[in-house]
Amino acid sequence: MIRFERWWAPDVLLLIGVVVFVGCTTKSDIDELQVSVRQAELTEVFRVGAAESDSAVVFGDIEDIGVNSDGHLLVADDDASVIYVFSESGDSLRTFGGPGLGPGEFESIRDMDIGPGDSVFVWDGRRGRLLIFEPETFQFSYDIEVKLSDDDRYASGLTLISDDLLLMRFSWSYSLSADEDEHTFNTLQFVSRDGRPVGEPVLRMPVTRDLLFRTESGIGLVLLPFSRRSSAKPGPDGTFYYGWSDSISFDVYSASGDLLRTVRYGHEAIPVTQQELNEWMQNKSEEAKQVVRREADIPKTKPAYSTFTVSDEGQIWVQHTPASDSLDVPWTVLGLDNQPVFRLELPPDVTVRVVKGNRVYATAKLEDGAPYVIAYEYD
């Protein structure tokens, strides 16, 4: 007998409804606004990891990328458990790290950030440790074990680095016996340099719990399609930006966790077609299909955006959710005054990850699924 549990909480649904109200506008409003926004073009500078690149490096799984003050590009490859370092022109310089459990080695790379003075912070999610490497030499310096006093939450990533504190993400493990009301939010919380949480959580981020159900052979998990997701990204001067993908709306927080402003931009909701739902259901098991038909609350529209990143000047680069027949994906760059700075279009497999100066660094995939990094310039 199949027993299932739903992970949609009333307070999360209420939040979704509120955000849709403030985030969506009419089609005529959108068309009028987009006509007045300048279209921009990106010029490719180099690419690494692709067959046509000068570098002989082949990536397995790009987990994160970063750029230090010297313009060196760092690429964290979780599959190889190493960090690759490239020059500002894309030449391969060196690697550091490696697979293992020893000092300076990784078991599973989940985040990489460049902190003050160009120190490199790498979050090893499986070990629950933050490994810190020296600037310039990239030699291993020390590591930090991050652990809460209770065992229900675990550190799931690094959001922000300051001189004294780290802002970490904490998540709940999937469980059939978990309290739905309590576990519908992940948190952002400051952590000291010795791994101890400091104060109360700075921000509670709603979680779209996917469908977890019990089967005769164990526990099944269905990742629901078109779900809204919450995310927080670092900004300049110790700020961080939070968004919930049901609308193009971002809260900007100070380094101490105070809300500074909210940046909003109207969007036209894109309906989910029956064909898209049918295609999503094709590869599911019969058990999963039964549970989805009975219990899943599939959104009728797509999320407002797929992802976003924040430039070193505080502008927000938003990747819109495209229509199913789109060849390229629209991006809008927003200023802190709620006004679009410019728009551009990129292939659907290209995702902007870092914007620094007039350089844009993105990850992409070849036809066979192999990942690579591409660097652009823009005016």
Protein backbone atom coordinates (compact mmCIF):
# COMPACT_ATOMS: atom_id res chain seq x y z
CA MET A 1 0.00 0.00 0.00
CA ILE A 2 1.30 3.46 -0.88
CA ARG A 3 1.26 6.11 1.80
CA PHE A 4 2.07 9.67 0.79
CA GLU A 5 2.56 13.02 2.43
CA ARG A 6 1.97 16.41 0.85
CA TRP A 7 4.57 19.13 1.32
CA TRP A 8 2.48 22.18 0.44
CA ALA A 9 1.88 24.31 3.50
CA PRO A 10 -0.93 26.94 3.69
CA ASP A 11 1.47 29.73 4.66
CA VAL A 12 3.65 29.04 1.61
CA LEU A 13 0.62 29.04 -0.70
CA LEU A 14 -0.50 32.35 0.80
CA LEU A 15 2.94 33.81 0.13
CA ILE A 16 2.81 32.59 -3.46
CA GLY A 17 -0.56 34.25 -3.98
CA VAL A 18 0.67 37.57 -2.65
CA VAL A 19 3.77 37.57 -4.82
CA VAL A 20 1.82 36.73 -7.97
CA PHE A 21 -0.44 39.72 -7.30
CA VAL A 22 2.39 42.22 -7.06
CA GLY A 23 4.63 40.63 -9.72
CA CYS A 24 2.37 40.11 -12.75
CA THR A 25 1.18 42.81 -15.09
CA THR A 26 -0.89 42.85 -18.25
CA LYS A 27 0.55 41.92 -21.63
CA SER A 28 0.10 45.44 -22.99
CA ASP A 29 2.06 46.87 -20.04
CA ILE A 30 4.85 44.37 -20.62
CA ASP A 31 5.02 45.03 -24.37
CA GLU A 32 5.18 48.80 -23.82
CA LEU A 33 7.91 48.44 -21.21
CA GLN A 34 10.07 46.08 -23.27
CA VAL A 35 9.98 48.31 -26.35
CA SER A 36 11.70 51.09 -24.38
CA VAL A 37 14.46 48.87 -22.95
CA ARG A 38 17.79 48.92 -24.73
CA GLN A 39 18.91 45.64 -26.31
CA ALA A 40 22.51 44.68 -25.58
CA GLU A 41 24.94 42.27 -27.20
CA LEU A 42 27.66 40.22 -25.54
CA THR A 43 30.96 39.62 -27.32
CA GLU A 44 32.67 36.32 -26.62
CA VAL A 45 36.23 36.61 -25.29
CA PHE A 46 37.16 32.98 -24.64
CA ARG A 47 35.76 29.64 -23.59
CA VAL A 48 37.33 26.84 -21.53
CA GLY A 49 36.34 23.19 -21.41
CA ALA A 50 34.84 23.12 -24.89
CA ALA A 51 36.39 21.29 -27.85
CA GLU A 52 37.07 24.53 -29.73
CA SER A 53 38.78 26.22 -26.75
CA ASP A 54 42.54 26.63 -26.46
CA SER A 55 42.56 24.86 -23.09
CA ALA A 56 42.91 21.08 -22.96
CA VAL A 57 40.80 20.93 -19.82
CA VAL A 58 37.66 18.77 -19.90
CA PHE A 59 35.20 19.40 -17.05
CA GLY A 60 33.06 16.72 -15.47
CA ASP A 61 30.58 18.67 -13.33
CA ILE A 62 30.92 22.44 -12.88
CA GLU A 63 29.50 23.19 -9.44
CA ASP A 64 30.54 26.85 -9.18
CA ILE A 65 32.78 29.52 -10.69
CA GLY A 66 34.39 32.70 -9.35
CA VAL A 67 36.71 35.53 -10.40
CA ASN A 68 39.31 37.07 -8.11
CA SER A 69 40.73 40.62 -8.10
CA ASP A 70 43.49 39.63 -10.57
CA GLY A 71 40.87 38.54 -13.08
CA HIS A 72 41.71 34.86 -12.65
CA LEU A 73 38.79 32.54 -13.34
CA LEU A 74 38.28 29.72 -10.83
CA VAL A 75 36.13 26.73 -11.82
CA ALA A 76 35.03 24.20 -9.18
CA ASP A 77 34.62 20.73 -10.72
CA ASP A 78 32.79 18.43 -8.32
CA ASP A 79 33.32 15.38 -10.52
CA ALA A 80 37.12 15.77 -10.40
CA SER A 81 37.09 17.29 -6.88
CA VAL A 82 39.48 20.05 -7.96
CA ILE A 83 39.49 23.80 -8.58
CA TYR A 84 40.86 24.91 -11.96
CA VAL A 85 42.54 28.33 -12.28
CA PHE A 86 42.63 30.22 -15.59
CA SER A 87 44.16 33.56 -16.55
CA GLU A 88 42.03 36.53 -17.61
CA SER A 89 42.58 35.46 -21.22
CA GLY A 90 41.51 31.86 -20.57
CA ASP A 91 44.92 30.17 -20.30
CA SER A 92 45.10 27.22 -17.92
CA LEU A 93 47.35 28.08 -14.95
CA ARG A 94 46.98 25.37 -12.33
CA THR A 95 44.65 23.29 -10.18
CA PHE A 96 44.34 22.84 -6.43
CA GLY A 97 42.44 20.51 -4.13
CA GLY A 98 41.77 16.92 -5.09
CA PRO A 99 39.58 13.96 -4.08
CA GLY A 100 39.95 12.65 -0.55
CA LEU A 101 39.40 13.31 3.13
CA GLY A 102 42.75 14.90 3.95
CA PRO A 103 43.67 18.56 4.43
CA GLY A 104 42.77 20.56 1.33
CA GLU A 105 40.89 17.64 -0.27
CA PHE A 106 37.21 17.45 -1.21
CA GLU A 107 34.57 14.78 -0.96
CA SER A 108 31.75 16.81 -2.55
CA ILE A 109 32.09 20.45 -3.69
CA ARG A 110 28.81 22.34 -3.28
CA ASP A 111 29.83 26.03 -3.16
CA MET A 112 32.90 28.10 -3.89
CA ASP A 113 33.26 31.78 -3.00
CA ILE A 114 36.12 34.26 -3.11
CA GLY A 115 36.33 36.17 0.15
CA PRO A 116 38.11 39.30 1.36
CA GLY A 117 41.69 39.48 0.15
CA ASP A 118 41.00 36.80 -2.49
CA SER A 119 40.99 33.87 -0.07
CA VAL A 120 39.04 30.96 -1.60
CA PHE A 121 36.26 29.31 0.43
CA VAL A 122 35.04 25.89 -0.73
CA TRP A 123 32.04 24.21 0.91
CA ASP A 124 32.34 20.41 1.10
CA GLY A 125 28.71 19.49 1.65
CA ARG A 126 29.16 15.81 2.41
CA ARG A 127 31.75 16.46 5.11
CA GLY A 128 30.03 19.60 6.44
CA ARG A 129 33.28 21.52 6.25
CA LEU A 130 34.37 24.84 4.78
CA LEU A 131 37.92 24.69 3.38
CA ILE A 132 39.89 27.93 3.04
CA PHE A 133 42.81 28.43 0.63
CA GLU A 134 45.39 31.21 0.48
CA PRO A 135 45.20 33.92 -2.20
CA GLU A 136 47.74 33.81 -5.05
CA THR A 137 49.36 30.52 -3.93
CA PHE A 138 46.04 28.67 -3.43
CA GLN A 139 47.68 26.65 -0.67
CA PHE A 140 45.35 25.05 1.88
CA SER A 141 45.13 27.18 5.03
CA TYR A 142 42.50 25.74 7.40
CA ASP A 143 38.99 24.36 7.52
CA ILE A 144 35.85 25.02 9.55
CA GLU A 145 33.33 22.41 10.68
CA VAL A 146 29.82 23.90 10.71
CA LYS A 147 27.25 22.12 12.85
CA LEU A 148 24.07 23.15 14.67
CA SER A 149 23.24 21.97 18.17
CA ASP A 150 20.11 20.22 16.88
CA ASP A 151 20.34 17.37 14.35
CA ASP A 152 17.25 18.21 12.27
CA ARG A 153 18.91 20.95 10.22
CA TYR A 154 22.17 20.80 8.33
CA ALA A 155 24.39 23.41 6.68
CA SER A 156 23.70 23.21 2.95
CA GLY A 157 25.81 26.02 1.50
CA LEU A 158 27.63 29.33 1.79
CA THR A 159 25.94 32.60 0.80
CA LEU A 160 28.19 35.43 2.02
CA ILE A 161 31.65 35.98 3.48
CA SER A 162 32.58 38.94 5.67
CA ASP A 163 35.65 39.65 7.78
CA ASP A 164 34.27 38.10 10.94
CA LEU A 165 31.16 36.11 10.00
CA LEU A 166 29.88 33.73 7.36
CA LEU A 167 26.28 33.64 6.17
CA MET A 168 25.33 29.98 5.72
CA ARG A 169 22.23 28.26 4.40
CA PHE A 170 20.62 25.63 6.62
CA SER A 171 18.14 23.08 5.28
CA TRP A 172 15.88 20.32 6.53
CA SER A 173 16.40 16.72 5.49
CA TYR A 174 13.58 15.00 3.66
CA SER A 175 11.56 12.87 6.07
CA LEU A 176 8.12 11.28 6.06
CA SER A 177 7.80 12.00 9.77
CA ALA A 178 8.85 15.65 9.63
CA ASP A 179 6.62 18.43 10.88
CA GLU A 180 5.24 20.07 7.72
CA ASP A 181 4.60 23.47 9.30
CA GLU A 182 8.10 23.70 10.74
CA HIS A 183 9.97 22.30 7.74
CA THR A 184 8.49 24.51 5.03
CA PHE A 185 11.29 27.04 5.51
CA ASN A 186 15.05 26.87 5.13
CA THR A 187 17.09 29.54 6.87
CA LEU A 188 20.03 31.87 6.42
CA GLN A 189 22.10 32.26 9.58
CA PHE A 190 25.38 33.87 10.51
CA VAL A 191 28.19 31.53 11.57
CA SER A 192 31.40 32.50 13.35
CA ARG A 193 34.83 31.63 11.98
CA ASP A 194 34.97 28.66 14.38
CA GLY A 195 31.76 27.18 12.95
CA ARG A 196 29.27 28.24 15.65
CA PRO A 197 25.89 29.73 14.63
CA VAL A 198 25.48 33.31 15.84
CA GLY A 199 22.11 34.70 16.89
CA GLU A 200 18.76 33.88 15.34
CA PRO A 201 18.24 33.11 11.64
CA VAL A 202 18.49 36.22 9.47
CA LEU A 203 15.99 35.04 6.87
CA ARG A 204 13.46 32.24 6.48
CA MET A 205 13.16 31.05 2.90
CA PRO A 206 10.09 29.03 1.83
CA VAL A 207 10.83 25.55 0.56
CA THR A 208 8.98 23.91 -2.29
CA ARG A 209 8.83 20.43 -0.88
CA ASP A 210 8.66 17.90 -3.66
CA LEU A 211 6.42 14.87 -3.34
CA LEU A 212 7.74 12.30 -0.87
CA PHE A 213 5.81 9.05 -0.52
CA ARG A 214 6.15 5.57 0.94
CA THR A 215 6.11 2.51 -1.30
CA GLU A 216 6.25 -1.21 -0.61
CA SER A 217 9.95 -1.20 -1.50
CA GLY A 218 10.96 1.99 0.31
CA ILE A 219 10.54 5.76 -0.10
CA GLY A 220 10.01 7.55 -3.40
CA LEU A 221 10.63 11.19 -4.31
CA VAL A 222 9.09 13.10 -7.20
CA LEU A 223 10.59 16.46 -8.15
CA LEU A 224 7.54 18.50 -9.11
CA PRO A 225 7.70 20.46 -12.37
CA PHE A 226 7.47 24.25 -12.67
CA SER A 227 7.92 24.64 -8.91
CA ARG A 228 8.84 27.99 -7.39
CA ARG A 229 12.20 28.15 -5.67
CA SER A 230 13.82 30.53 -3.20
CA SER A 231 17.45 31.57 -3.43
CA ALA A 232 19.87 34.09 -1.97
CA LYS A 233 22.89 35.51 -3.81
CA PRO A 234 25.78 37.69 -2.58
CA GLY A 235 25.96 41.32 -3.68
CA PRO A 236 28.59 44.08 -3.39
CA ASP A 237 29.73 45.56 -0.07
CA GLY A 238 28.51 42.64 2.00
CA THR A 239 24.90 42.81 0.81
CA PHE A 240 22.83 39.82 -0.23
CA TYR A 241 19.76 39.47 -2.45
CA TYR A 242 16.80 37.16 -1.91
CA GLY A 243 14.19 36.06 -4.45
CA TRP A 244 11.23 33.67 -4.73
CA SER A 245 10.79 32.74 -8.39
CA ASP A 246 7.02 33.21 -8.58
CA SER A 247 7.62 36.88 -9.43
CA ILE A 248 10.51 39.11 -10.43
CA SER A 249 10.93 40.63 -6.99
CA PHE A 250 14.16 40.74 -4.98
CA ASP A 251 14.79 41.87 -1.42
CA VAL A 252 18.19 43.48 -0.82
CA TYR A 253 19.69 43.05 2.66
CA SER A 254 22.64 44.67 4.37
CA ALA A 255 25.57 42.68 5.75
CA SER A 256 23.87 42.74 9.16
CA GLY A 257 20.61 41.34 7.77
CA ASP A 258 18.55 44.56 7.59
CA LEU A 259 16.19 44.95 4.63
CA LEU A 260 17.43 47.86 2.50
CA ARG A 261 15.03 47.83 -0.47
CA THR A 262 12.94 45.67 -2.77
CA VAL A 263 13.49 45.58 -6.53
CA ARG A 264 10.44 44.60 -8.62
CA TYR A 265 9.83 44.14 -12.33
CA GLY A 266 6.53 43.14 -13.97
CA HIS A 267 6.22 39.97 -16.00
CA GLU A 268 3.58 38.15 -17.99
CA ALA A 269 2.88 34.68 -16.58
CA ILE A 270 3.42 31.86 -19.10
CA PRO A 271 0.81 29.06 -18.93
CA VAL A 272 1.93 25.44 -18.60
CA THR A 273 0.66 23.44 -21.58
CA GLN A 274 -0.84 19.97 -21.43
CA GLN A 275 1.87 18.75 -23.79
CA GLU A 276 4.56 19.90 -21.35
CA LEU A 277 2.84 18.05 -18.51
CA ASN A 278 2.53 14.91 -20.62
CA GLU A 279 6.21 15.02 -21.54
CA TRP A 280 7.16 15.45 -17.89
CA MET A 281 5.08 12.41 -16.88
CA GLN A 282 6.50 10.09 -19.55
CA ASN A 283 9.53 8.77 -17.65
CA LYS A 284 7.90 8.48 -14.22
CA SER A 285 7.20 5.12 -12.61
CA GLU A 286 3.60 3.97 -12.31
CA GLU A 287 3.71 4.46 -8.53
CA ALA A 288 4.95 8.00 -8.97
CA LYS A 289 2.31 8.75 -11.61
CA GLN A 290 -0.47 7.57 -9.28
CA VAL A 291 0.76 9.77 -6.44
CA VAL A 292 1.16 12.80 -8.71
CA ARG A 293 -2.35 12.41 -10.15
CA ARG A 294 -3.88 12.11 -6.68
CA GLU A 295 -1.92 14.61 -4.68
CA ALA A 296 0.40 16.87 -6.66
CA ASP A 297 -0.64 20.50 -6.99
CA ILE A 298 1.09 21.29 -10.29
CA PRO A 299 1.34 25.05 -10.97
CA LYS A 300 -0.70 26.26 -13.93
CA THR A 301 1.95 28.82 -14.90
CA LYS A 302 5.72 28.70 -15.15
CA PRO A 303 8.02 30.46 -12.69
CA ALA A 304 8.76 34.10 -13.53
CA TYR A 305 12.48 33.39 -13.79
CA SER A 306 14.87 30.45 -13.82
CA THR A 307 17.79 32.00 -11.95
CA PHE A 308 19.47 35.33 -11.22
CA THR A 309 22.90 36.65 -10.35
CA VAL A 310 24.13 39.97 -8.94
CA SER A 311 26.92 41.98 -10.55
CA ASP A 312 29.76 43.64 -8.65
CA GLU A 313 27.84 46.92 -9.10
CA GLY A 314 24.63 45.54 -7.57
CA GLN A 315 22.66 45.11 -10.79
CA ILE A 316 20.45 42.01 -11.01
CA TRP A 317 20.78 39.77 -14.07
CA VAL A 318 17.51 37.84 -14.37
CA GLN A 319 17.07 34.80 -16.62
CA HIS A 320 13.40 34.75 -17.59
CA THR A 321 11.54 31.47 -17.93
CA PRO A 322 11.11 31.08 -21.69
CA ALA A 323 8.09 29.89 -23.61
CA SER A 324 8.36 26.29 -24.81
CA ASP A 325 8.92 27.33 -28.45
CA SER A 326 11.66 29.90 -27.70
CA LEU A 327 15.01 29.45 -29.42
CA ASP A 328 16.81 31.91 -27.13
CA VAL A 329 16.18 32.90 -23.52
CA PRO A 330 15.59 36.57 -22.59
CA TRP A 331 17.59 38.16 -19.78
CA THR A 332 16.81 41.49 -18.12
CA VAL A 333 19.38 43.50 -16.16
CA LEU A 334 17.71 45.50 -13.38
CA GLY A 335 19.01 48.48 -11.45
CA LEU A 336 18.21 49.14 -7.80
CA ASP A 337 15.69 51.80 -8.89
CA ASN A 338 13.35 49.08 -10.29
CA GLN A 339 14.22 50.14 -13.84
CA PRO A 340 15.64 47.78 -16.48
CA VAL A 341 19.14 48.77 -17.61
CA PHE A 342 19.10 46.62 -20.74
CA ARG A 343 17.92 43.31 -22.13
CA LEU A 344 19.68 40.56 -24.05
CA GLU A 345 19.10 37.05 -25.32
CA LEU A 346 21.28 34.00 -24.80
CA PRO A 347 21.03 30.35 -25.89
CA PRO A 348 18.97 28.22 -23.47
CA ASP A 349 22.00 26.26 -22.27
CA VAL A 350 23.93 29.41 -21.23
CA THR A 351 23.59 30.61 -17.62
CA VAL A 352 25.27 33.79 -16.39
CA ARG A 353 27.10 33.08 -13.13
CA VAL A 354 29.49 36.03 -12.51
CA VAL A 355 29.40 39.67 -13.70
CA LYS A 356 32.49 41.68 -12.83
CA GLY A 357 33.45 44.95 -14.51
CA ASN A 358 32.61 44.59 -18.18
CA ARG A 359 33.12 40.82 -18.09
CA VAL A 360 30.32 38.25 -17.97
CA TYR A 361 31.14 34.64 -17.09
CA ALA A 362 28.61 31.93 -17.86
CA THR A 363 28.37 28.15 -17.78
CA ALA A 364 27.03 26.24 -20.77
CA LYS A 365 26.70 22.69 -22.10
CA LEU A 366 27.69 21.04 -25.33
CA GLU A 367 25.27 18.82 -27.26
CA ASP A 368 26.57 15.75 -25.42
CA GLY A 369 25.93 17.46 -22.07
CA ALA A 370 29.57 18.24 -21.28
CA PRO A 371 29.86 21.54 -19.35
CA TYR A 372 32.14 24.44 -20.20
CA VAL A 373 32.66 28.10 -19.26
CA ILE A 374 32.33 31.01 -21.65
CA ALA A 375 33.52 34.58 -20.99
CA TYR A 376 31.97 37.64 -22.63
CA GLU A 377 32.48 41.39 -22.66
CA TYR A 378 29.78 44.06 -22.94
CA ASP A 379 29.65 47.83 -23.17
